Amino acid sequence: MFAVIRAGGKQLQVEPGQTILVEKLPAAEGDEVIFDQVLMVGDENQVRLGTPVVEGARVLGRVLTQGRFRKVFVFKYIPKKRVRRKKGHRQPFTQVRIERIEVQPAA
């Protein structure tokens, strides 16, 4: 079984047992998180599409780690003007292991 969820402004296809990286979530390590923005759910036999979300569907996961990616440098340089600007940015992320996908039967 698989699902397409919306997390952090992105759409991700997930399956139980998979580990994903999403935008930082307000949860501690070991906490359970619920993704209720499920756009599509499917298995070998059928696929359910949401308009825009599938009613009664949710994906449960467990937070493994909170971290930050490698530093990305942005350098601005204007020739002949003595302008040099260097900035660094580290994007925070949350690593989540998908535990199960719950779907209520279609009415």
N, C-alpha and C. Protein backbone atom coordinates (compact mmCIF):
# COMPACT_ATOMS: atom_id res chain seq x y z
N MET A 1 0.85 -1.18 0.00
CA MET A 1 0.00 0.00 0.00
C MET A 1 0.89 1.23 0.00
N PHE A 2 0.46 2.27 -0.73
CA PHE A 2 1.21 3.51 -0.78
C PHE A 2 0.25 4.67 -0.63
N ALA A 3 0.81 5.85 -0.34
CA ALA A 3 0.01 7.06 -0.23
C ALA A 3 0.85 8.24 -0.71
N VAL A 4 0.18 9.25 -1.20
CA VAL A 4 0.83 10.51 -1.55
C VAL A 4 0.34 11.54 -0.54
N ILE A 5 1.29 12.12 0.21
CA ILE A 5 0.94 13.07 1.26
C ILE A 5 1.51 14.44 0.93
N ARG A 6 0.94 15.46 1.56
CA ARG A 6 1.46 16.81 1.45
C ARG A 6 2.10 17.15 2.80
N ALA A 7 3.40 17.45 2.77
CA ALA A 7 4.13 17.78 4.00
C ALA A 7 5.15 18.87 3.68
N GLY A 8 5.05 19.98 4.36
CA GLY A 8 6.01 21.05 4.16
C GLY A 8 5.96 21.68 2.79
N GLY A 9 4.77 21.72 2.18
CA GLY A 9 4.65 22.32 0.86
C GLY A 9 5.09 21.42 -0.28
N LYS A 10 5.42 20.18 0.03
CA LYS A 10 5.85 19.23 -1.00
C LYS A 10 4.94 18.01 -0.98
N GLN A 11 4.88 17.30 -2.10
CA GLN A 11 4.13 16.07 -2.17
C GLN A 11 5.10 14.90 -2.18
N LEU A 12 4.85 13.92 -1.32
CA LEU A 12 5.75 12.78 -1.18
C LEU A 12 4.96 11.48 -1.30
N GLN A 13 5.50 10.53 -2.04
CA GLN A 13 4.91 9.20 -2.10
C GLN A 13 5.57 8.36 -1.02
N VAL A 14 4.77 7.77 -0.12
CA VAL A 14 5.31 7.03 1.01
C VAL A 14 4.69 5.64 1.09
N GLU A 15 5.43 4.75 1.73
CA GLU A 15 4.99 3.39 2.01
C GLU A 15 5.36 3.06 3.45
N PRO A 16 4.67 2.12 4.09
CA PRO A 16 5.05 1.74 5.45
C PRO A 16 6.47 1.20 5.50
N GLY A 17 7.22 1.64 6.52
CA GLY A 17 8.61 1.23 6.67
C GLY A 17 9.61 2.16 6.01
N GLN A 18 9.14 3.10 5.22
CA GLN A 18 10.02 4.03 4.51
C GLN A 18 10.43 5.17 5.44
N THR A 19 11.65 5.69 5.26
CA THR A 19 12.15 6.84 6.00
C THR A 19 12.20 8.04 5.06
N ILE A 20 11.60 9.16 5.52
CA ILE A 20 11.55 10.36 4.68
C ILE A 20 12.10 11.55 5.45
N LEU A 21 12.53 12.56 4.70
CA LEU A 21 12.96 13.84 5.26
C LEU A 21 11.94 14.89 4.87
N VAL A 22 11.37 15.58 5.86
CA VAL A 22 10.38 16.62 5.61
C VAL A 22 10.84 17.91 6.27
N GLU A 23 10.16 18.99 5.97
CA GLU A 23 10.44 20.26 6.64
C GLU A 23 10.27 20.07 8.14
N LYS A 24 10.92 20.90 8.93
CA LYS A 24 10.93 20.75 10.38
C LYS A 24 9.51 20.72 10.94
N LEU A 25 9.24 19.70 11.74
CA LEU A 25 7.95 19.54 12.40
C LEU A 25 8.09 19.84 13.89
N PRO A 26 7.06 20.40 14.52
CA PRO A 26 7.13 20.70 15.95
C PRO A 26 6.88 19.45 16.79
N ALA A 27 7.80 18.52 16.75
CA ALA A 27 7.68 17.26 17.49
C ALA A 27 9.06 16.83 17.96
N ALA A 28 9.10 16.18 19.13
CA ALA A 28 10.37 15.70 19.68
C ALA A 28 10.69 14.33 19.08
N GLU A 29 11.95 13.93 19.25
CA GLU A 29 12.36 12.61 18.77
C GLU A 29 11.58 11.53 19.50
N GLY A 30 11.07 10.56 18.76
CA GLY A 30 10.29 9.49 19.34
C GLY A 30 8.80 9.75 19.34
N ASP A 31 8.37 10.97 19.07
CA ASP A 31 6.94 11.30 19.02
C ASP A 31 6.31 10.74 17.76
N GLU A 32 4.99 10.52 17.85
CA GLU A 32 4.24 10.08 16.69
C GLU A 32 3.66 11.30 15.99
N VAL A 33 3.76 11.34 14.68
CA VAL A 33 3.20 12.43 13.88
C VAL A 33 2.14 11.86 12.95
N ILE A 34 1.14 12.69 12.68
CA ILE A 34 0.03 12.28 11.81
C ILE A 34 -0.02 13.22 10.62
N PHE A 35 0.04 12.65 9.43
CA PHE A 35 -0.12 13.41 8.20
C PHE A 35 -1.55 13.18 7.72
N ASP A 36 -2.40 14.19 7.86
CA ASP A 36 -3.80 14.03 7.47
C ASP A 36 -4.10 14.61 6.09
N GLN A 37 -3.11 15.22 5.45
CA GLN A 37 -3.26 15.74 4.09
C GLN A 37 -2.86 14.63 3.11
N VAL A 38 -3.70 13.62 2.97
CA VAL A 38 -3.43 12.49 2.09
C VAL A 38 -4.13 12.77 0.75
N LEU A 39 -3.35 12.89 -0.32
CA LEU A 39 -3.90 13.23 -1.62
C LEU A 39 -4.33 12.01 -2.43
N MET A 40 -3.67 10.87 -2.19
CA MET A 40 -3.98 9.66 -2.94
C MET A 40 -3.58 8.45 -2.12
N VAL A 41 -4.37 7.40 -2.19
CA VAL A 41 -4.07 6.13 -1.52
C VAL A 41 -4.29 5.02 -2.53
N GLY A 42 -3.36 4.05 -2.53
CA GLY A 42 -3.53 2.97 -3.49
C GLY A 42 -2.82 1.70 -3.06
N ASP A 43 -3.20 0.61 -3.71
CA ASP A 43 -2.53 -0.67 -3.55
C ASP A 43 -2.58 -1.39 -4.89
N GLU A 44 -2.38 -2.71 -4.91
CA GLU A 44 -2.35 -3.43 -6.17
C GLU A 44 -3.69 -3.43 -6.88
N ASN A 45 -4.79 -3.37 -6.13
CA ASN A 45 -6.11 -3.51 -6.72
C ASN A 45 -6.79 -2.21 -7.11
N GLN A 46 -6.68 -1.17 -6.26
CA GLN A 46 -7.41 0.06 -6.53
C GLN A 46 -6.64 1.28 -6.07
N VAL A 47 -7.06 2.43 -6.59
CA VAL A 47 -6.47 3.71 -6.24
C VAL A 47 -7.60 4.66 -5.90
N ARG A 48 -7.45 5.37 -4.77
CA ARG A 48 -8.44 6.39 -4.38
C ARG A 48 -7.78 7.76 -4.46
N LEU A 49 -8.38 8.64 -5.26
CA LEU A 49 -7.90 10.01 -5.40
C LEU A 49 -8.75 10.92 -4.53
N GLY A 50 -8.11 11.93 -3.97
CA GLY A 50 -8.83 12.90 -3.16
C GLY A 50 -9.20 14.12 -3.97
N THR A 51 -10.17 14.89 -3.44
CA THR A 51 -10.59 16.13 -4.08
C THR A 51 -10.65 17.24 -3.05
N PRO A 52 -9.61 17.82 -2.56
CA PRO A 52 -8.21 17.55 -2.84
C PRO A 52 -7.60 16.47 -1.94
N VAL A 53 -8.26 16.11 -0.80
CA VAL A 53 -7.70 15.08 0.08
C VAL A 53 -8.67 13.92 0.17
N VAL A 54 -8.14 12.73 0.49
CA VAL A 54 -8.95 11.53 0.66
C VAL A 54 -9.58 11.59 2.04
N GLU A 55 -10.90 11.53 2.09
CA GLU A 55 -11.61 11.59 3.38
C GLU A 55 -11.35 10.33 4.19
N GLY A 56 -11.04 10.50 5.46
CA GLY A 56 -10.83 9.38 6.36
C GLY A 56 -9.49 8.68 6.23
N ALA A 57 -8.57 9.26 5.49
CA ALA A 57 -7.26 8.65 5.32
C ALA A 57 -6.22 9.47 6.08
N ARG A 58 -5.27 8.76 6.68
CA ARG A 58 -4.17 9.43 7.36
C ARG A 58 -2.96 8.51 7.39
N VAL A 59 -1.80 9.13 7.49
CA VAL A 59 -0.53 8.40 7.52
C VAL A 59 0.11 8.68 8.86
N LEU A 60 0.52 7.63 9.57
CA LEU A 60 1.16 7.78 10.87
C LEU A 60 2.64 7.45 10.76
N GLY A 61 3.44 8.28 11.40
CA GLY A 61 4.88 8.08 11.38
C GLY A 61 5.48 8.39 12.73
N ARG A 62 6.74 8.06 12.89
CA ARG A 62 7.46 8.32 14.14
C ARG A 62 8.71 9.13 13.82
N VAL A 63 8.94 10.19 14.62
CA VAL A 63 10.08 11.07 14.41
C VAL A 63 11.35 10.34 14.85
N LEU A 64 12.32 10.24 13.94
CA LEU A 64 13.59 9.62 14.27
C LEU A 64 14.60 10.65 14.75
N THR A 65 14.80 11.71 13.96
CA THR A 65 15.76 12.75 14.34
C THR A 65 15.27 14.12 13.88
N GLN A 66 15.79 15.13 14.54
CA GLN A 66 15.65 16.53 14.10
C GLN A 66 17.06 16.98 13.74
N GLY A 67 17.22 17.62 12.62
CA GLY A 67 18.57 18.02 12.23
C GLY A 67 18.55 19.17 11.26
N ARG A 68 19.75 19.46 10.74
CA ARG A 68 19.89 20.51 9.74
C ARG A 68 20.80 20.00 8.63
N PHE A 69 20.49 20.41 7.39
CA PHE A 69 21.30 20.02 6.25
C PHE A 69 22.64 20.73 6.27
N ARG A 70 23.50 20.38 5.32
CA ARG A 70 24.80 21.05 5.18
C ARG A 70 24.58 22.53 4.88
N LYS A 71 25.56 23.33 5.24
CA LYS A 71 25.48 24.77 5.00
C LYS A 71 25.62 25.07 3.52
N VAL A 72 24.73 25.95 3.05
CA VAL A 72 24.76 26.43 1.67
C VAL A 72 25.19 27.89 1.73
N PHE A 73 26.19 28.26 0.93
CA PHE A 73 26.69 29.63 0.93
C PHE A 73 26.12 30.39 -0.27
N VAL A 74 25.74 31.62 -0.01
CA VAL A 74 25.29 32.54 -1.05
C VAL A 74 26.26 33.70 -1.07
N PHE A 75 26.87 33.95 -2.22
CA PHE A 75 27.88 34.99 -2.31
C PHE A 75 27.46 35.99 -3.37
N LYS A 76 27.37 37.26 -2.98
CA LYS A 76 27.00 38.33 -3.90
C LYS A 76 28.23 39.20 -4.12
N TYR A 77 28.52 39.47 -5.39
CA TYR A 77 29.72 40.24 -5.73
C TYR A 77 29.37 41.22 -6.83
N ILE A 78 29.66 42.48 -6.60
CA ILE A 78 29.47 43.50 -7.62
C ILE A 78 30.85 44.06 -7.98
N PRO A 79 31.30 43.86 -9.21
CA PRO A 79 32.65 44.31 -9.57
C PRO A 79 32.77 45.84 -9.56
N LYS A 80 33.95 46.31 -9.22
CA LYS A 80 34.32 47.73 -9.22
C LYS A 80 33.57 48.55 -8.19
N LYS A 81 32.84 47.93 -7.28
CA LYS A 81 32.07 48.68 -6.28
C LYS A 81 32.45 48.29 -4.85
N ARG A 82 33.38 47.38 -4.69
CA ARG A 82 33.81 46.89 -3.37
C ARG A 82 32.63 46.30 -2.58
N VAL A 83 31.76 45.59 -3.28
CA VAL A 83 30.62 44.97 -2.63
C VAL A 83 30.83 43.46 -2.65
N ARG A 84 30.89 42.88 -1.47
CA ARG A 84 31.00 41.43 -1.32
C ARG A 84 30.14 41.04 -0.13
N ARG A 85 29.16 40.18 -0.35
CA ARG A 85 28.29 39.72 0.72
C ARG A 85 28.30 38.19 0.72
N LYS A 86 28.56 37.63 1.86
CA LYS A 86 28.58 36.17 1.99
C LYS A 86 27.62 35.79 3.10
N LYS A 87 26.66 34.92 2.76
CA LYS A 87 25.68 34.45 3.74
C LYS A 87 25.65 32.93 3.69
N GLY A 88 25.37 32.35 4.83
CA GLY A 88 25.22 30.90 4.91
C GLY A 88 23.83 30.55 5.42
N HIS A 89 23.33 29.39 5.03
CA HIS A 89 22.00 28.95 5.45
C HIS A 89 22.01 27.44 5.65
N ARG A 90 21.43 26.99 6.76
CA ARG A 90 21.25 25.56 7.01
C ARG A 90 19.78 25.30 7.21
N GLN A 91 19.19 24.52 6.31
CA GLN A 91 17.76 24.25 6.36
C GLN A 91 17.47 23.15 7.39
N PRO A 92 16.57 23.40 8.34
CA PRO A 92 16.21 22.36 9.31
C PRO A 92 15.30 21.30 8.68
N PHE A 93 15.41 20.06 9.17
CA PHE A 93 14.57 18.97 8.67
C PHE A 93 14.19 18.05 9.82
N THR A 94 13.20 17.21 9.55
CA THR A 94 12.78 16.17 10.47
C THR A 94 12.80 14.86 9.70
N GLN A 95 13.44 13.86 10.28
CA GLN A 95 13.48 12.53 9.67
C GLN A 95 12.36 11.70 10.30
N VAL A 96 11.48 11.17 9.45
CA VAL A 96 10.29 10.44 9.92
C VAL A 96 10.27 9.06 9.28
N ARG A 97 9.97 8.04 10.10
CA ARG A 97 9.75 6.68 9.58
C ARG A 97 8.24 6.46 9.50
N ILE A 98 7.75 6.11 8.33
CA ILE A 98 6.32 5.87 8.13
C ILE A 98 5.98 4.51 8.73
N GLU A 99 5.01 4.50 9.65
CA GLU A 99 4.65 3.24 10.31
C GLU A 99 3.45 2.57 9.67
N ARG A 100 2.38 3.33 9.42
CA ARG A 100 1.21 2.71 8.80
C ARG A 100 0.35 3.76 8.09
N ILE A 101 -0.47 3.25 7.18
CA ILE A 101 -1.42 4.06 6.44
C ILE A 101 -2.80 3.57 6.80
N GLU A 102 -3.64 4.48 7.32
CA GLU A 102 -4.98 4.12 7.73
C GLU A 102 -5.98 4.74 6.77
N VAL A 103 -6.91 3.91 6.29
CA VAL A 103 -7.93 4.37 5.35
C VAL A 103 -9.28 3.80 5.80
N GLN A 104 -10.27 4.68 5.93
CA GLN A 104 -11.62 4.21 6.22
C GLN A 104 -12.26 3.72 4.93
N PRO A 105 -13.11 2.73 5.00
CA PRO A 105 -13.75 2.23 3.78
C PRO A 105 -14.57 3.32 3.09
N ALA A 106 -14.60 3.27 1.77
CA ALA A 106 -15.35 4.25 1.00
C ALA A 106 -16.85 4.08 1.25
N ALA A 107 -17.55 5.19 1.34
CA ALA A 107 -18.99 5.13 1.62
C ALA A 107 -19.79 4.89 0.38
